[in-house]
PDB file of all heavy atoms in Angstrom:
ATOM      1  N   PRO A   1     117.357  75.607  87.702  1.00  0.00           N
ATOM      2  CA  PRO A   1     117.346  74.163  87.909  1.00  0.00           C
ATOM      3  C   PRO A   1     116.589  73.745  89.097  1.00  0.00           C
ATOM      4  O   PRO A   1     116.556  74.565  90.040  1.00  0.00           O
ATOM      5  CB  PRO A   1     118.877  73.855  88.019  1.00  0.00           C
ATOM      6  CG  PRO A   1     119.576  75.064  87.394  1.00  0.00           C
ATOM      7  CD  PRO A   1     118.635  76.208  87.645  1.00  0.00           C
ATOM      8  N   PRO A   2     116.166  72.486  89.242  1.00  0.00           N
ATOM      9  CA  PRO A   2     115.357  72.081  90.378  1.00  0.00           C
ATOM     10  C   PRO A   2     116.070  72.383  91.759  1.00  0.00           C
ATOM     11  O   PRO A   2     115.378  72.684  92.687  1.00  0.00           O
ATOM     12  CB  PRO A   2     115.157  70.618  90.111  1.00  0.00           C
ATOM     13  CG  PRO A   2     115.233  70.460  88.619  1.00  0.00           C
ATOM     14  CD  PRO A   2     116.313  71.466  88.136  1.00  0.00           C
ATOM     15  N   ALA A   3     117.380  72.104  91.842  1.00  0.00           N
ATOM     16  CA  ALA A   3     118.058  72.259  93.030  1.00  0.00           C
ATOM     17  C   ALA A   3     118.159  73.705  93.549  1.00  0.00           C
ATOM     18  O   ALA A   3     118.540  73.872  94.787  1.00  0.00           O
ATOM     19  CB  ALA A   3     119.502  71.694  93.026  1.00  0.00           C
ATOM     20  N   GLU A   4     117.823  74.647  92.704  1.00  0.00           N
ATOM     21  CA  GLU A   4     117.928  76.090  93.199  1.00  0.00           C
ATOM     22  C   GLU A   4     116.505  76.710  93.231  1.00  0.00           C
ATOM     23  O   GLU A   4     116.466  77.915  93.558  1.00  0.00           O
ATOM     24  CB  GLU A   4     118.731  76.764  92.114  1.00  0.00           C
ATOM     25  CG  GLU A   4     120.225  76.330  91.847  1.00  0.00           C
ATOM     26  CD  GLU A   4     120.872  77.074  90.850  1.00  0.00           C
ATOM     27  OE1 GLU A   4     120.456  78.204  90.359  1.00  0.00           O
ATOM     28  OE2 GLU A   4     121.936  76.721  90.437  1.00  0.00           O
ATOM     29  N   ARG A   5     115.452  75.943  93.113  1.00  0.00           N
ATOM     30  CA  ARG A   5     114.098  76.524  92.911  1.00  0.00           C
ATOM     31  C   ARG A   5     113.609  77.126  94.304  1.00  0.00           C
ATOM     32  O   ARG A   5     113.065  78.267  94.275  1.00  0.00           O
ATOM     33  CB  ARG A   5     113.124  75.469  92.447  1.00  0.00           C
ATOM     34  CG  ARG A   5     113.192  75.237  90.991  1.00  0.00           C
ATOM     35  CD  ARG A   5     112.200  74.184  90.498  1.00  0.00           C
ATOM     36  NE  ARG A   5     112.438  73.860  89.203  1.00  0.00           N
ATOM     37  CZ  ARG A   5     111.950  72.795  88.540  1.00  0.00           C
ATOM     38  NH1 ARG A   5     111.264  71.882  89.339  1.00  0.00           N
ATOM     39  NH2 ARG A   5     112.046  72.615  87.221  1.00  0.00           N
ATOM     40  N   ALA A   6     113.906  76.523  95.360  1.00  0.00           N
ATOM     41  CA  ALA A   6     113.439  77.059  96.668  1.00  0.00           C
ATOM     42  C   ALA A   6     114.039  78.393  96.959  1.00  0.00           C
ATOM     43  O   ALA A   6     113.502  79.285  97.325  1.00  0.00           O
ATOM     44  CB  ALA A   6     113.690  76.060  97.707  1.00  0.00           C
ATOM     45  N   ARG A   7     115.410  78.476  96.590  1.00  0.00           N
ATOM     46  CA  ARG A   7     116.160  79.692  96.827  1.00  0.00           C
ATOM     47  C   ARG A   7     115.573  80.908  96.025  1.00  0.00           C
ATOM     48  O   ARG A   7     115.395  81.943  96.364  1.00  0.00           O
ATOM     49  CB  ARG A   7     117.638  79.485  96.593  1.00  0.00           C
ATOM     50  CG  ARG A   7     118.470  80.715  96.915  1.00  0.00           C
ATOM     51  CD  ARG A   7     119.985  80.221  97.113  1.00  0.00           C
ATOM     52  NE  ARG A   7     120.479  79.768  95.911  1.00  0.00           N
ATOM     53  CZ  ARG A   7     120.814  78.537  95.662  1.00  0.00           C
ATOM     54  NH1 ARG A   7     120.542  77.520  96.601  1.00  0.00           N
ATOM     55  NH2 ARG A   7     121.425  78.143  94.581  1.00  0.00           N
ATOM     56  N   PHE A   8     115.412  80.517  94.634  1.00  0.00           N
ATOM     57  CA  PHE A   8     114.988  81.568  93.792  1.00  0.00           C
ATOM     58  C   PHE A   8     113.459  81.897  93.979  1.00  0.00           C
ATOM     59  O   PHE A   8     113.126  83.000  93.799  1.00  0.00           O
ATOM     60  CB  PHE A   8     115.137  81.130  92.288  1.00  0.00           C
ATOM     61  CG  PHE A   8     116.387  81.411  91.640  1.00  0.00           C
ATOM     62  CD1 PHE A   8     117.581  80.681  91.908  1.00  0.00           C
ATOM     63  CD2 PHE A   8     116.679  82.622  91.007  1.00  0.00           C
ATOM     64  CE1 PHE A   8     118.765  81.015  91.384  1.00  0.00           C
ATOM     65  CE2 PHE A   8     117.794  83.026  90.371  1.00  0.00           C
ATOM     66  CZ  PHE A   8     118.872  82.221  90.614  1.00  0.00           C
ATOM     67  N   GLY A   9     112.762  80.855  94.436  1.00  0.00           N
ATOM     68  CA  GLY A   9     111.402  81.142  94.759  1.00  0.00           C
ATOM     69  C   GLY A   9     111.326  82.174  95.924  1.00  0.00           C
ATOM     70  O   GLY A   9     110.417  83.073  95.964  1.00  0.00           O
ATOM     71  N   ALA A  10     112.100  81.991  96.935  1.00  0.00           N
ATOM     72  CA  ALA A  10     112.189  82.804  98.026  1.00  0.00           C
ATOM     73  C   ALA A  10     112.603  84.269  97.637  1.00  0.00           C
ATOM     74  O   ALA A  10     112.120  85.181  98.076  1.00  0.00           O
ATOM     75  CB  ALA A  10     113.034  82.306  99.126  1.00  0.00           C
ATOM     76  N   MET A  11     113.697  84.341  96.690  1.00  0.00           N
ATOM     77  CA  MET A  11     114.075  85.585  96.308  1.00  0.00           C
ATOM     78  C   MET A  11     113.060  86.364  95.519  1.00  0.00           C
ATOM     79  O   MET A  11     112.884  87.549  95.914  1.00  0.00           O
ATOM     80  CB  MET A  11     115.307  85.306  95.336  1.00  0.00           C
ATOM     81  CG  MET A  11     115.881  86.617  94.774  1.00  0.00           C
ATOM     82  SD  MET A  11     117.167  86.384  93.387  1.00  0.00           S
ATOM     83  CE  MET A  11     118.307  85.415  94.202  1.00  0.00           C
ATOM     84  N   ILE A  12     112.402  85.800  94.553  1.00  0.00           N
ATOM     85  CA  ILE A  12     111.429  86.463  93.799  1.00  0.00           C
ATOM     86  C   ILE A  12     110.055  86.589  94.519  1.00  0.00           C
ATOM     87  O   ILE A  12     109.621  87.749  94.749  1.00  0.00           O
ATOM     88  CB  ILE A  12     111.158  85.850  92.516  1.00  0.00           C
ATOM     89  CG1 ILE A  12     112.432  85.863  91.646  1.00  0.00           C
ATOM     90  CG2 ILE A  12     110.076  86.368  91.742  1.00  0.00           C
ATOM     91  CD1 ILE A  12     112.382  85.070  90.262  1.00  0.00           C
ATOM     92  N   PHE A  13     109.470  85.605  95.015  1.00  0.00           N
ATOM     93  CA  PHE A  13     108.181  85.663  95.597  1.00  0.00           C
ATOM     94  C   PHE A  13     108.323  86.370  97.020  1.00  0.00           C
ATOM     95  O   PHE A  13     107.279  86.895  97.496  1.00  0.00           O
ATOM     96  CB  PHE A  13     107.542  84.341  95.605  1.00  0.00           C
ATOM     97  CG  PHE A  13     107.198  83.791  94.363  1.00  0.00           C
ATOM     98  CD1 PHE A  13     107.740  82.617  93.847  1.00  0.00           C
ATOM     99  CD2 PHE A  13     106.253  84.442  93.480  1.00  0.00           C
ATOM    100  CE1 PHE A  13     107.512  82.103  92.634  1.00  0.00           C
ATOM    101  CE2 PHE A  13     106.027  83.947  92.300  1.00  0.00           C
ATOM    102  CZ  PHE A  13     106.629  82.854  91.673  1.00  0.00           C
ATOM    103  N   GLY A  14     109.552  86.246  97.601  1.00  0.00           N
ATOM    104  CA  GLY A  14     109.777  86.980  98.830  1.00  0.00           C
ATOM    105  C   GLY A  14     109.735  88.485  98.642  1.00  0.00           C
ATOM    106  O   GLY A  14     109.483  89.211  99.597  1.00  0.00           O
ATOM    107  N   GLY A  15     109.728  88.907  97.412  1.00  0.00           N
ATOM    108  CA  GLY A  15     109.542  90.351  97.070  1.00  0.00           C
ATOM    109  C   GLY A  15     108.136  90.878  97.613  1.00  0.00           C
ATOM    110  O   GLY A  15     107.957  91.975  97.789  1.00  0.00           O
ATOM    111  N   ALA A  16     107.219  89.946  97.615  1.00  0.00           N
ATOM    112  CA  ALA A  16     105.916  90.246  98.096  1.00  0.00           C
ATOM    113  C   ALA A  16     106.010  90.800  99.565  1.00  0.00           C
ATOM    114  O   ALA A  16     105.317  91.757  99.946  1.00  0.00           O
ATOM    115  CB  ALA A  16     105.026  89.080  98.155  1.00  0.00           C
ATOM    116  N   GLN A  17     106.942  90.193 100.296  1.00  0.00           N
ATOM    117  CA  GLN A  17     107.155  90.660 101.774  1.00  0.00           C
ATOM    118  C   GLN A  17     107.796  92.023 101.708  1.00  0.00           C
ATOM    119  O   GLN A  17     107.491  92.894 102.568  1.00  0.00           O
ATOM    120  CB  GLN A  17     107.856  89.710 102.538  1.00  0.00           C
ATOM    121  CG  GLN A  17     107.277  88.315 102.582  1.00  0.00           C
ATOM    122  CD  GLN A  17     105.801  88.267 102.485  1.00  0.00           C
ATOM    123  OE1 GLN A  17     105.171  88.957 103.241  1.00  0.00           O
ATOM    124  NE2 GLN A  17     105.246  87.470 101.590  1.00  0.00           N
ATOM    125  N   VAL A  18     108.699  92.343 100.836  1.00  0.00           N
ATOM    126  CA  VAL A  18     109.369  93.604 100.639  1.00  0.00           C
ATOM    127  C   VAL A  18     108.221  94.658 100.476  1.00  0.00           C
ATOM    128  O   VAL A  18     108.227  95.660 100.973  1.00  0.00           O
ATOM    129  CB  VAL A  18     110.296  93.643  99.562  1.00  0.00           C
ATOM    130  CG1 VAL A  18     110.942  95.038  99.392  1.00  0.00           C
ATOM    131  CG2 VAL A  18     111.478  92.645  99.882  1.00  0.00           C
ATOM    132  N   GLY A  19     107.268  94.336  99.513  1.00  0.00           N
ATOM    133  CA  GLY A  19     106.186  95.241  99.275  1.00  0.00           C
ATOM    134  C   GLY A  19     105.294  95.373 100.539  1.00  0.00           C
ATOM    135  O   GLY A  19     104.755  96.415 100.785  1.00  0.00           O
ATOM    136  N   ASN A  20     105.046  94.239 101.172  1.00  0.00           N
ATOM    137  CA  ASN A  20     104.251  94.293 102.410  1.00  0.00           C
ATOM    138  C   ASN A  20     104.865  95.087 103.498  1.00  0.00           C
ATOM    139  O   ASN A  20     104.251  95.704 104.421  1.00  0.00           O
ATOM    140  CB  ASN A  20     103.879  92.957 102.974  1.00  0.00           C
ATOM    141  CG  ASN A  20     102.907  92.256 102.087  1.00  0.00           C
ATOM    142  OD1 ASN A  20     102.036  92.841 101.444  1.00  0.00           O
ATOM    143  ND2 ASN A  20     102.977  90.825 102.001  1.00  0.00           N
ATOM    144  N   ILE A  21     106.232  95.130 103.461  1.00  0.00           N
ATOM    145  CA  ILE A  21     106.967  95.969 104.358  1.00  0.00           C
ATOM    146  C   ILE A  21     107.016  97.312 104.032  1.00  0.00           C
ATOM    147  O   ILE A  21     106.553  98.325 104.864  1.00  0.00           O
ATOM    148  CB  ILE A  21     108.456  95.483 104.540  1.00  0.00           C
ATOM    149  CG1 ILE A  21     108.509  94.116 105.155  1.00  0.00           C
ATOM    150  CG2 ILE A  21     109.337  96.500 105.348  1.00  0.00           C
ATOM    151  CD1 ILE A  21     109.856  93.412 104.904  1.00  0.00           C
ATOM    152  N   LEU A  22     107.296  97.734 102.764  1.00  0.00           N
ATOM    153  CA  LEU A  22     107.448  99.077 102.376  1.00  0.00           C
ATOM    154  C   LEU A  22     106.114  99.765 102.130  1.00  0.00           C
ATOM    155  O   LEU A  22     106.057 100.982 102.344  1.00  0.00           O
ATOM    156  CB  LEU A  22     108.381  99.206 101.037  1.00  0.00           C
ATOM    157  CG  LEU A  22     109.796  98.659 101.216  1.00  0.00           C
ATOM    158  CD1 LEU A  22     110.511  98.823  99.876  1.00  0.00           C
ATOM    159  CD2 LEU A  22     110.445  99.527 102.226  1.00  0.00           C
ATOM    160  N   GLY A  23     105.134  98.964 101.697  1.00  0.00           N
ATOM    161  CA  GLY A  23     103.800  99.556 101.409  1.00  0.00           C
ATOM    162  C   GLY A  23     103.194 100.236 102.731  1.00  0.00           C
ATOM    163  O   GLY A  23     103.016 101.465 102.573  1.00  0.00           O
ATOM    164  N   PRO A  24     103.015  99.490 103.803  1.00  0.00           N
ATOM    165  CA  PRO A  24     102.471 100.187 104.963  1.00  0.00           C
ATOM    166  C   PRO A  24     103.439 101.243 105.573  1.00  0.00           C
ATOM    167  O   PRO A  24     103.080 102.300 106.116  1.00  0.00           O
ATOM    168  CB  PRO A  24     102.235  99.003 106.013  1.00  0.00           C
ATOM    169  CG  PRO A  24     102.232  97.861 105.139  1.00  0.00           C
ATOM    170  CD  PRO A  24     103.007  97.999 103.975  1.00  0.00           C
ATOM    171  N   LEU A  25     104.812 100.997 105.524  1.00  0.00           N
ATOM    172  CA  LEU A  25     105.724 101.852 106.106  1.00  0.00           C
ATOM    173  C   LEU A  25     105.777 103.172 105.390  1.00  0.00           C
ATOM    174  O   LEU A  25     105.676 104.306 106.030  1.00  0.00           O
ATOM    175  CB  LEU A  25     107.136 101.158 106.124  1.00  0.00           C
ATOM    176  CG  LEU A  25     108.202 101.790 106.973  1.00  0.00           C
ATOM    177  CD1 LEU A  25     107.815 101.797 108.437  1.00  0.00           C
ATOM    178  CD2 LEU A  25     109.481 101.071 106.878  1.00  0.00           C
ATOM    179  N   ILE A  26     105.967 103.155 104.074  1.00  0.00           N
ATOM    180  CA  ILE A  26     105.977 104.334 103.306  1.00  0.00           C
ATOM    181  C   ILE A  26     104.649 105.150 103.319  1.00  0.00           C
ATOM    182  O   ILE A  26     104.593 106.265 103.399  1.00  0.00           O
ATOM    183  CB  ILE A  26     106.563 104.102 101.852  1.00  0.00           C
ATOM    184  CG1 ILE A  26     107.900 103.556 101.879  1.00  0.00           C
ATOM    185  CG2 ILE A  26     106.359 105.237 100.971  1.00  0.00           C
ATOM    186  CD1 ILE A  26     108.410 103.145 100.470  1.00  0.00           C
ATOM    187  N   SER A  27     103.609 104.356 103.256  1.00  0.00           N
ATOM    188  CA  SER A  27     102.272 104.937 103.309  1.00  0.00           C
ATOM    189  C   SER A  27     102.052 105.657 104.567  1.00  0.00           C
ATOM    190  O   SER A  27     101.491 106.809 104.640  1.00  0.00           O
ATOM    191  CB  SER A  27     101.142 103.845 103.172  1.00  0.00           C
ATOM    192  OG  SER A  27     101.320 103.179 101.794  1.00  0.00           O
ATOM    193  N   GLY A  28     102.531 105.001 105.696  1.00  0.00           N
ATOM    194  CA  GLY A  28     102.331 105.711 107.067  1.00  0.00           C
ATOM    195  C   GLY A  28     103.137 106.946 107.115  1.00  0.00           C
ATOM    196  O   GLY A  28     102.629 108.011 107.619  1.00  0.00           O
ATOM    197  N   LEU A  29     104.308 107.026 106.499  1.00  0.00           N
ATOM    198  CA  LEU A  29     105.086 108.276 106.439  1.00  0.00           C
ATOM    199  C   LEU A  29     104.440 109.341 105.560  1.00  0.00           C
ATOM    200  O   LEU A  29     104.421 110.548 106.008  1.00  0.00           O
ATOM    201  CB  LEU A  29     106.521 107.998 105.981  1.00  0.00           C
ATOM    202  CG  LEU A  29     107.376 107.126 106.881  1.00  0.00           C
ATOM    203  CD1 LEU A  29     108.672 106.745 106.136  1.00  0.00           C
ATOM    204  CD2 LEU A  29     107.618 107.679 108.181  1.00  0.00           C
ATOM    205  N   ILE A  30     103.893 108.905 104.512  1.00  0.00           N
ATOM    206  CA  ILE A  30     103.294 109.910 103.673  1.00  0.00           C
ATOM    207  C   ILE A  30     102.031 110.433 104.253  1.00  0.00           C
ATOM    208  O   ILE A  30     101.701 111.593 104.120  1.00  0.00           O
ATOM    209  CB  ILE A  30     102.883 109.265 102.306  1.00  0.00           C
ATOM    210  CG1 ILE A  30     104.260 108.880 101.491  1.00  0.00           C
ATOM    211  CG2 ILE A  30     102.065 110.171 101.388  1.00  0.00           C
ATOM    212  CD1 ILE A  30     103.933 108.071 100.204  1.00  0.00           C
ATOM    213  N   LEU A  31     101.288 109.614 105.033  1.00  0.00           N
ATOM    214  CA  LEU A  31      99.933 110.028 105.544  1.00  0.00           C
ATOM    215  C   LEU A  31     100.133 110.735 106.900  1.00  0.00           C
ATOM    216  O   LEU A  31      99.082 111.339 107.425  1.00  0.00           O
ATOM    217  CB  LEU A  31      99.135 108.783 105.854  1.00  0.00           C
ATOM    218  CG  LEU A  31      98.632 108.053 104.393  1.00  0.00           C
ATOM    219  CD1 LEU A  31      97.958 106.684 104.711  1.00  0.00           C
ATOM    220  CD2 LEU A  31      97.730 108.958 103.617  1.00  0.00           C
ATOM    221  N   ALA A  32     101.304 110.540 107.580  1.00  0.00           N
ATOM    222  CA  ALA A  32     101.438 111.210 108.813  1.00  0.00           C
ATOM    223  C   ALA A  32     101.360 112.651 108.760  1.00  0.00           C
ATOM    224  O   ALA A  32     101.560 113.362 107.781  1.00  0.00           O
ATOM    225  CB  ALA A  32     102.858 110.870 109.357  1.00  0.00           C
ATOM    226  N   ASP A  33     100.797 113.297 109.901  1.00  0.00           N
ATOM    227  CA  ASP A  33     100.591 114.679 109.990  1.00  0.00           C
ATOM    228  C   ASP A  33      99.698 115.333 108.863  1.00  0.00           C
ATOM    229  O   ASP A  33     100.014 116.371 108.361  1.00  0.00           O
ATOM    230  CB  ASP A  33     101.963 115.312 109.947  1.00  0.00           C
ATOM    231  CG  ASP A  33     102.900 114.940 111.026  1.00  0.00           C
ATOM    232  OD1 ASP A  33     102.484 114.733 112.209  1.00  0.00           O
ATOM    233  OD2 ASP A  33     104.091 114.734 110.848  1.00  0.00           O
ATOM    234  N   GLY A  34      98.689 114.577 108.525  1.00  0.00           N
ATOM    235  CA  GLY A  34      97.712 114.996 107.669  1.00  0.00           C
ATOM    236  C   GLY A  34      98.102 114.963 106.195  1.00  0.00           C
ATOM    237  O   GLY A  34      97.597 115.841 105.370  1.00  0.00           O
ATOM    238  N   GLY A  35      99.025 114.166 105.906  1.00  0.00           N
ATOM    239  CA  GLY A  35      99.444 113.981 104.467  1.00  0.00           C
ATOM    240  C   GLY A  35      98.361 113.553 103.532  1.00  0.00           C
ATOM    241  O   GLY A  35      97.472 112.901 103.903  1.00  0.00           O
ATOM    242  N   ASP A  36      98.483 114.069 102.331  1.00  0.00           N
ATOM    243  CA  ASP A  36      97.525 113.699 101.267  1.00  0.00           C
ATOM    244  C   ASP A  36      97.510 112.294 100.854  1.00  0.00           C
ATOM    245  O   ASP A  36      98.589 111.699 100.355  1.00  0.00           O
ATOM    246  CB  ASP A  36      97.777 114.653 100.075  1.00  0.00           C
ATOM    247  CG  ASP A  36      96.567 114.523  98.964  1.00  0.00           C
ATOM    248  OD1 ASP A  36      95.757 113.696  99.159  1.00  0.00           O
ATOM    249  OD2 ASP A  36      96.620 115.383  98.066  1.00  0.00           O
ATOM    250  N   TRP A  37      96.386 111.469 100.981  1.00  0.00           N
ATOM    251  CA  TRP A  37      96.340 110.117 100.729  1.00  0.00           C
ATOM    252  C   TRP A  37      96.680 109.757  99.232  1.00  0.00           C
ATOM    253  O   TRP A  37      97.121 108.753  98.800  1.00  0.00           O
ATOM    254  CB  TRP A  37      95.148 109.496 101.169  1.00  0.00           C
ATOM    255  CG  TRP A  37      93.835 110.003 100.639  1.00  0.00           C
ATOM    256  CD1 TRP A  37      93.070 110.923 101.326  1.00  0.00           C
ATOM    257  CD2 TRP A  37      93.225 109.707  99.415  1.00  0.00           C
ATOM    258  NE1 TRP A  37      91.887 111.150 100.526  1.00  0.00           N
ATOM    259  CE2 TRP A  37      91.922 110.425  99.435  1.00  0.00           C
ATOM    260  CE3 TRP A  37      93.510 109.015  98.273  1.00  0.00           C
ATOM    261  CZ2 TRP A  37      91.092 110.571  98.253  1.00  0.00           C
ATOM    262  CZ3 TRP A  37      92.614 109.103  97.152  1.00  0.00           C
ATOM    263  CH2 TRP A  37      91.485 109.815  97.239  1.00  0.00           C
ATOM    264  N   ALA A  38      96.350 110.764  98.357  1.00  0.00           N
ATOM    265  CA  ALA A  38      96.531 110.535  96.928  1.00  0.00           C
ATOM    266  C   ALA A  38      98.044 110.321  96.571  1.00  0.00           C
ATOM    267  O   ALA A  38      98.376 109.631  95.573  1.00  0.00           O
ATOM    268  CB  ALA A  38      96.004 111.755  96.167  1.00  0.00           C
ATOM    269  N   ASN A  39      98.901 110.955  97.495  1.00  0.00           N
ATOM    270  CA  ASN A  39     100.335 110.799  97.120  1.00  0.00           C
ATOM    271  C   ASN A  39     100.842 109.388  97.248  1.00  0.00           C
ATOM    272  O   ASN A  39     101.797 109.006  96.587  1.00  0.00           O
ATOM    273  CB  ASN A  39     101.162 111.709  98.100  1.00  0.00           C
ATOM    274  CG  ASN A  39     101.043 113.177  97.853  1.00  0.00           C
ATOM    275  OD1 ASN A  39     100.712 113.599  96.679  1.00  0.00           O
ATOM    276  ND2 ASN A  39     101.111 114.000  98.800  1.00  0.00           N
ATOM    277  N   VAL A  40     100.148 108.495  98.040  1.00  0.00           N
ATOM    278  CA  VAL A  40     100.497 107.208  98.192  1.00  0.00           C
ATOM    279  C   VAL A  40     100.398 106.517  96.785  1.00  0.00           C
ATOM    280  O   VAL A  40     101.229 105.719  96.443  1.00  0.00           O
ATOM    281  CB  VAL A  40      99.578 106.498  99.183  1.00  0.00           C
ATOM    282  CG1 VAL A  40      99.826 104.989  99.253  1.00  0.00           C
ATOM    283  CG2 VAL A  40      99.893 107.055 100.660  1.00  0.00           C
TER     284      VAL A  40
END
């Protein structure tokens, strides 16, 4: 419904930020100490 759209928009499209958080963070852990970039 219209009155819930901002909240649901933040919930779903805010997932982009979860990806932006976990993408670099997990990639950094995988790549640390000479990790194979293919594993990312």
